[in-house]
Structures are given as C-alpha cells and as structure tokens.
Amino acid sequence: MSTVALGGDLGIETSTELKTRLAPLVDQAGDLTLDASQVSRIHTAAMQVLCAFVDARRQAGHPTGFDGCTATFRDAARLLGLTQALGLDATHDNLKSVENAA
C-alpha cells in the first residue's frame, strides 16, 4: 500500500500541480491512500481533481482511500456533495456550518 500526502494548501492555484502529482498514480496497482491530515485550505477545483483521480483508479480496478481527513477536507466534501464519490464515510451532521470551506 502506498500513501501520498496531499499537503496543507489545496487552493485553486495548486490544482494543476495536484493533478500532475497524481496522474502517474492512476494506473499504479494496489491500494493507495491519500493522506488528508494536513489539509487546511481546499478549493472546489482540487476536489474535482481528487474526484476524477479516485474515479479513474476505481474504473481501473485500483482502490483509493483517504486517511486523517481534517474537518476542512470533510466539510468541503460534504458541502459539495462529494462524500460518496470520494468514498468517505458519510456523517449525519448536516447542521454543521462552515464559514469558508475554501
């Protein structure tokens, strides 16, 4: 199993770099874990990159999971309706508000 740290800042300006870092891993066999334990800022564009990456690996038959997801990361996934697409455990905390998920 391989682990890739996502880092702390996944703002829109880092989305191209994120895609470039993840692209070679699409066809990597075996389990892959994305470490989201440092994510303190995330933009919708980064979430789109992550969704496309997870989906491409899923279609290739390669499992991808997340570890150590910060509240910022989970809130962004929840607000954007991407919890299921990313394979995250769904929480039933629909009343929690986020001032700025980005």
N, C-alpha and C. Protein backbone atom coordinates (compact mmCIF):
# COMPACT_ATOMS: atom_id res chain seq x y z
N MET A 1 0.85 -1.17 0.00
CA MET A 1 0.00 0.00 0.00
C MET A 1 0.89 1.24 0.00
N SER A 2 0.55 2.20 -0.83
CA SER A 2 1.28 3.47 -0.91
C SER A 2 0.45 4.58 -0.30
N THR A 3 1.14 5.57 0.24
CA THR A 3 0.46 6.74 0.80
C THR A 3 1.04 8.00 0.17
N VAL A 4 0.15 8.91 -0.21
CA VAL A 4 0.55 10.19 -0.78
C VAL A 4 -0.04 11.29 0.09
N ALA A 5 0.82 12.15 0.60
CA ALA A 5 0.36 13.29 1.41
C ALA A 5 -0.15 14.39 0.49
N LEU A 6 -1.34 14.89 0.77
CA LEU A 6 -1.92 15.95 -0.04
C LEU A 6 -1.37 17.33 0.32
N GLY A 7 -0.85 17.49 1.52
CA GLY A 7 -0.33 18.80 1.94
C GLY A 7 -1.41 19.63 2.59
N GLY A 8 -1.05 20.85 2.95
CA GLY A 8 -1.96 21.71 3.69
C GLY A 8 -2.81 22.61 2.83
N ASP A 9 -2.27 23.08 1.71
CA ASP A 9 -2.98 24.06 0.89
C ASP A 9 -3.37 23.45 -0.45
N LEU A 10 -4.66 23.25 -0.64
CA LEU A 10 -5.19 22.74 -1.90
C LEU A 10 -6.08 23.80 -2.55
N GLY A 11 -5.57 25.03 -2.58
CA GLY A 11 -6.29 26.13 -3.22
C GLY A 11 -6.30 25.95 -4.72
N ILE A 12 -7.07 26.78 -5.40
CA ILE A 12 -7.21 26.66 -6.85
C ILE A 12 -5.87 26.77 -7.57
N GLU A 13 -4.97 27.57 -7.03
CA GLU A 13 -3.67 27.76 -7.69
C GLU A 13 -2.78 26.52 -7.60
N THR A 14 -3.15 25.56 -6.77
CA THR A 14 -2.36 24.32 -6.65
C THR A 14 -2.98 23.14 -7.39
N SER A 15 -4.12 23.35 -8.02
CA SER A 15 -4.85 22.25 -8.65
C SER A 15 -4.08 21.60 -9.80
N THR A 16 -3.40 22.38 -10.60
CA THR A 16 -2.63 21.81 -11.71
C THR A 16 -1.48 20.95 -11.17
N GLU A 17 -0.82 21.45 -10.15
CA GLU A 17 0.29 20.69 -9.54
C GLU A 17 -0.24 19.40 -8.92
N LEU A 18 -1.41 19.46 -8.28
CA LEU A 18 -2.02 18.27 -7.69
C LEU A 18 -2.31 17.24 -8.78
N LYS A 19 -2.88 17.69 -9.88
CA LYS A 19 -3.18 16.78 -10.99
C LYS A 19 -1.90 16.16 -11.53
N THR A 20 -0.86 16.95 -11.67
CA THR A 20 0.42 16.46 -12.18
C THR A 20 1.03 15.43 -11.24
N ARG A 21 0.91 15.65 -9.92
CA ARG A 21 1.44 14.70 -8.93
C ARG A 21 0.67 13.39 -8.93
N LEU A 22 -0.65 13.46 -9.12
CA LEU A 22 -1.49 12.27 -9.03
C LEU A 22 -1.57 11.46 -10.33
N ALA A 23 -1.42 12.12 -11.46
CA ALA A 23 -1.60 11.46 -12.76
C ALA A 23 -0.80 10.16 -12.93
N PRO A 24 0.48 10.13 -12.54
CA PRO A 24 1.23 8.88 -12.71
C PRO A 24 0.73 7.73 -11.82
N LEU A 25 -0.08 8.06 -10.83
CA LEU A 25 -0.55 7.04 -9.89
C LEU A 25 -1.88 6.41 -10.30
N VAL A 26 -2.49 6.92 -11.36
CA VAL A 26 -3.79 6.39 -11.78
C VAL A 26 -3.72 4.90 -12.05
N ASP A 27 -2.67 4.47 -12.72
CA ASP A 27 -2.55 3.06 -13.10
C ASP A 27 -1.70 2.24 -12.14
N GLN A 28 -1.29 2.84 -11.03
CA GLN A 28 -0.50 2.11 -10.03
C GLN A 28 -1.36 1.04 -9.37
N ALA A 29 -0.92 -0.19 -9.48
CA ALA A 29 -1.69 -1.30 -8.91
C ALA A 29 -1.64 -1.26 -7.39
N GLY A 30 -2.65 -1.84 -6.80
CA GLY A 30 -2.70 -1.95 -5.35
C GLY A 30 -3.41 -0.78 -4.70
N ASP A 31 -3.56 -0.91 -3.40
CA ASP A 31 -4.23 0.13 -2.62
C ASP A 31 -3.38 1.40 -2.57
N LEU A 32 -4.06 2.53 -2.62
CA LEU A 32 -3.39 3.82 -2.49
C LEU A 32 -4.18 4.64 -1.48
N THR A 33 -3.47 5.25 -0.55
CA THR A 33 -4.10 6.09 0.45
C THR A 33 -3.64 7.52 0.26
N LEU A 34 -4.60 8.43 0.25
CA LEU A 34 -4.30 9.86 0.18
C LEU A 34 -4.41 10.41 1.60
N ASP A 35 -3.32 10.95 2.10
CA ASP A 35 -3.26 11.48 3.45
C ASP A 35 -3.73 12.93 3.44
N ALA A 36 -4.91 13.15 4.01
CA ALA A 36 -5.51 14.49 4.04
C ALA A 36 -5.41 15.10 5.43
N SER A 37 -4.45 14.65 6.22
CA SER A 37 -4.33 15.08 7.62
C SER A 37 -3.79 16.50 7.79
N GLN A 38 -3.26 17.08 6.71
CA GLN A 38 -2.72 18.44 6.81
C GLN A 38 -3.56 19.47 6.06
N VAL A 39 -4.62 19.05 5.41
CA VAL A 39 -5.41 19.96 4.58
C VAL A 39 -6.08 21.02 5.46
N SER A 40 -5.67 22.26 5.24
CA SER A 40 -6.27 23.37 6.00
C SER A 40 -7.01 24.33 5.07
N ARG A 41 -6.79 24.18 3.78
CA ARG A 41 -7.46 25.02 2.78
C ARG A 41 -7.68 24.16 1.54
N ILE A 42 -8.92 24.21 1.02
CA ILE A 42 -9.21 23.41 -0.17
C ILE A 42 -10.24 24.13 -1.03
N HIS A 43 -10.04 24.08 -2.31
CA HIS A 43 -10.90 24.75 -3.28
C HIS A 43 -11.65 23.68 -4.09
N THR A 44 -12.75 24.06 -4.65
CA THR A 44 -13.56 23.14 -5.46
C THR A 44 -12.74 22.51 -6.58
N ALA A 45 -11.84 23.25 -7.18
CA ALA A 45 -11.03 22.71 -8.27
C ALA A 45 -10.19 21.52 -7.80
N ALA A 46 -9.65 21.60 -6.60
CA ALA A 46 -8.87 20.49 -6.06
C ALA A 46 -9.77 19.30 -5.78
N MET A 47 -10.97 19.55 -5.31
CA MET A 47 -11.92 18.46 -5.07
C MET A 47 -12.28 17.78 -6.40
N GLN A 48 -12.40 18.55 -7.47
CA GLN A 48 -12.69 17.98 -8.78
C GLN A 48 -11.54 17.09 -9.24
N VAL A 49 -10.31 17.53 -9.03
CA VAL A 49 -9.14 16.73 -9.38
C VAL A 49 -9.16 15.42 -8.60
N LEU A 50 -9.43 15.51 -7.30
CA LEU A 50 -9.46 14.31 -6.47
C LEU A 50 -10.57 13.35 -6.89
N CYS A 51 -11.73 13.89 -7.22
CA CYS A 51 -12.85 13.03 -7.67
C CYS A 51 -12.49 12.32 -8.98
N ALA A 52 -11.91 13.04 -9.92
CA ALA A 52 -11.53 12.44 -11.19
C ALA A 52 -10.46 11.37 -10.98
N PHE A 53 -9.52 11.63 -10.09
CA PHE A 53 -8.46 10.68 -9.78
C PHE A 53 -9.03 9.41 -9.16
N VAL A 54 -9.86 9.57 -8.13
CA VAL A 54 -10.45 8.41 -7.45
C VAL A 54 -11.30 7.61 -8.43
N ASP A 55 -12.07 8.29 -9.28
CA ASP A 55 -12.92 7.61 -10.25
C ASP A 55 -12.09 6.86 -11.29
N ALA A 56 -11.02 7.48 -11.79
CA ALA A 56 -10.17 6.82 -12.78
C ALA A 56 -9.52 5.56 -12.19
N ARG A 57 -9.08 5.65 -10.95
CA ARG A 57 -8.49 4.47 -10.29
C ARG A 57 -9.55 3.40 -10.05
N ARG A 58 -10.75 3.82 -9.68
CA ARG A 58 -11.84 2.87 -9.45
C ARG A 58 -12.15 2.12 -10.75
N GLN A 59 -12.23 2.85 -11.86
CA GLN A 59 -12.52 2.22 -13.15
C GLN A 59 -11.41 1.26 -13.57
N ALA A 60 -10.18 1.55 -13.14
CA ALA A 60 -9.05 0.67 -13.46
C ALA A 60 -8.93 -0.49 -12.48
N GLY A 61 -9.82 -0.52 -11.47
CA GLY A 61 -9.82 -1.60 -10.51
C GLY A 61 -8.82 -1.43 -9.37
N HIS A 62 -8.38 -0.18 -9.14
CA HIS A 62 -7.41 0.10 -8.09
C HIS A 62 -8.07 0.89 -6.98
N PRO A 63 -8.12 0.34 -5.77
CA PRO A 63 -8.76 1.05 -4.65
C PRO A 63 -7.96 2.26 -4.19
N THR A 64 -8.70 3.30 -3.82
CA THR A 64 -8.10 4.53 -3.30
C THR A 64 -8.89 4.94 -2.08
N GLY A 65 -8.18 5.28 -1.02
CA GLY A 65 -8.84 5.71 0.21
C GLY A 65 -8.20 6.97 0.75
N PHE A 66 -8.81 7.51 1.77
CA PHE A 66 -8.31 8.72 2.43
C PHE A 66 -8.03 8.41 3.88
N ASP A 67 -7.03 9.07 4.42
CA ASP A 67 -6.66 8.87 5.82
C ASP A 67 -6.47 10.22 6.48
N GLY A 68 -6.86 10.31 7.74
CA GLY A 68 -6.61 11.50 8.53
C GLY A 68 -7.29 12.75 8.02
N CYS A 69 -8.45 12.63 7.43
CA CYS A 69 -9.13 13.78 6.85
C CYS A 69 -9.42 14.85 7.90
N THR A 70 -8.98 16.06 7.62
CA THR A 70 -9.26 17.18 8.51
C THR A 70 -10.73 17.58 8.40
N ALA A 71 -11.18 18.35 9.37
CA ALA A 71 -12.56 18.86 9.33
C ALA A 71 -12.77 19.71 8.08
N THR A 72 -11.75 20.47 7.68
CA THR A 72 -11.84 21.30 6.48
C THR A 72 -12.10 20.42 5.25
N PHE A 73 -11.34 19.35 5.14
CA PHE A 73 -11.49 18.45 4.00
C PHE A 73 -12.87 17.79 4.00
N ARG A 74 -13.28 17.26 5.14
CA ARG A 74 -14.59 16.59 5.23
C ARG A 74 -15.74 17.56 4.97
N ASP A 75 -15.63 18.77 5.52
CA ASP A 75 -16.69 19.77 5.31
C ASP A 75 -16.81 20.15 3.84
N ALA A 76 -15.68 20.33 3.17
CA ALA A 76 -15.72 20.66 1.75
C ALA A 76 -16.38 19.54 0.95
N ALA A 77 -16.01 18.29 1.24
CA ALA A 77 -16.61 17.15 0.55
C ALA A 77 -18.11 17.09 0.79
N ARG A 78 -18.50 17.33 2.03
CA ARG A 78 -19.92 17.29 2.38
C ARG A 78 -20.70 18.41 1.69
N LEU A 79 -20.16 19.63 1.76
CA LEU A 79 -20.85 20.78 1.16
C LEU A 79 -20.99 20.65 -0.35
N LEU A 80 -20.02 20.02 -0.98
CA LEU A 80 -20.05 19.86 -2.43
C LEU A 80 -20.76 18.57 -2.86
N GLY A 81 -21.21 17.79 -1.89
CA GLY A 81 -21.91 16.55 -2.21
C GLY A 81 -21.00 15.47 -2.78
N LEU A 82 -19.73 15.47 -2.35
CA LEU A 82 -18.74 14.56 -2.92
C LEU A 82 -18.31 13.45 -1.96
N THR A 83 -18.96 13.35 -0.83
CA THR A 83 -18.57 12.36 0.17
C THR A 83 -18.58 10.95 -0.43
N GLN A 84 -19.65 10.60 -1.10
CA GLN A 84 -19.77 9.27 -1.69
C GLN A 84 -18.79 9.08 -2.85
N ALA A 85 -18.66 10.08 -3.69
CA ALA A 85 -17.75 9.98 -4.85
C ALA A 85 -16.31 9.75 -4.41
N LEU A 86 -15.94 10.32 -3.26
CA LEU A 86 -14.58 10.15 -2.75
C LEU A 86 -14.44 8.91 -1.87
N GLY A 87 -15.56 8.25 -1.59
CA GLY A 87 -15.52 7.05 -0.77
C GLY A 87 -15.31 7.34 0.70
N LEU A 88 -15.73 8.52 1.14
CA LEU A 88 -15.60 8.90 2.55
C LEU A 88 -16.81 8.41 3.33
N ASP A 89 -16.60 8.12 4.58
CA ASP A 89 -17.71 7.75 5.44
C ASP A 89 -18.65 8.94 5.56
N ALA A 90 -19.91 8.71 5.33
CA ALA A 90 -20.89 9.78 5.43
C ALA A 90 -21.18 10.07 6.89
N THR A 91 -21.24 11.34 7.22
CA THR A 91 -21.64 11.74 8.56
C THR A 91 -23.06 12.27 8.47
N HIS A 92 -23.73 12.24 9.56
CA HIS A 92 -25.11 12.72 9.57
C HIS A 92 -25.19 14.11 10.21
N ASP A 93 -24.11 14.83 10.16
CA ASP A 93 -24.02 16.15 10.76
C ASP A 93 -24.33 17.21 9.69
N ASN A 94 -25.56 17.23 9.24
CA ASN A 94 -25.94 18.15 8.17
C ASN A 94 -26.18 19.57 8.66
N LEU A 95 -26.16 19.77 9.97
CA LEU A 95 -26.41 21.09 10.51
C LEU A 95 -25.13 21.88 10.74
N LYS A 96 -24.01 21.21 10.63
CA LYS A 96 -22.74 21.88 10.87
C LYS A 96 -22.49 22.89 9.76
N SER A 97 -22.13 24.08 10.13
CA SER A 97 -21.89 25.11 9.12
C SER A 97 -20.40 25.34 8.98
N VAL A 98 -20.01 25.78 7.83
CA VAL A 98 -18.62 26.11 7.54
C VAL A 98 -18.60 27.53 7.04
N GLU A 99 -17.82 28.37 7.70
CA GLU A 99 -17.77 29.77 7.29
C GLU A 99 -17.16 29.91 5.90
N ASN A 100 -16.05 29.20 5.67
CA ASN A 100 -15.38 29.27 4.38
C ASN A 100 -14.65 27.97 4.14
N ALA A 101 -15.26 27.06 3.37
CA ALA A 101 -14.65 25.76 3.14
C ALA A 101 -13.44 25.87 2.22
N ALA A 102 -13.33 26.94 1.49
CA ALA A 102 -12.19 27.10 0.59
C ALA A 102 -11.07 27.63 1.37
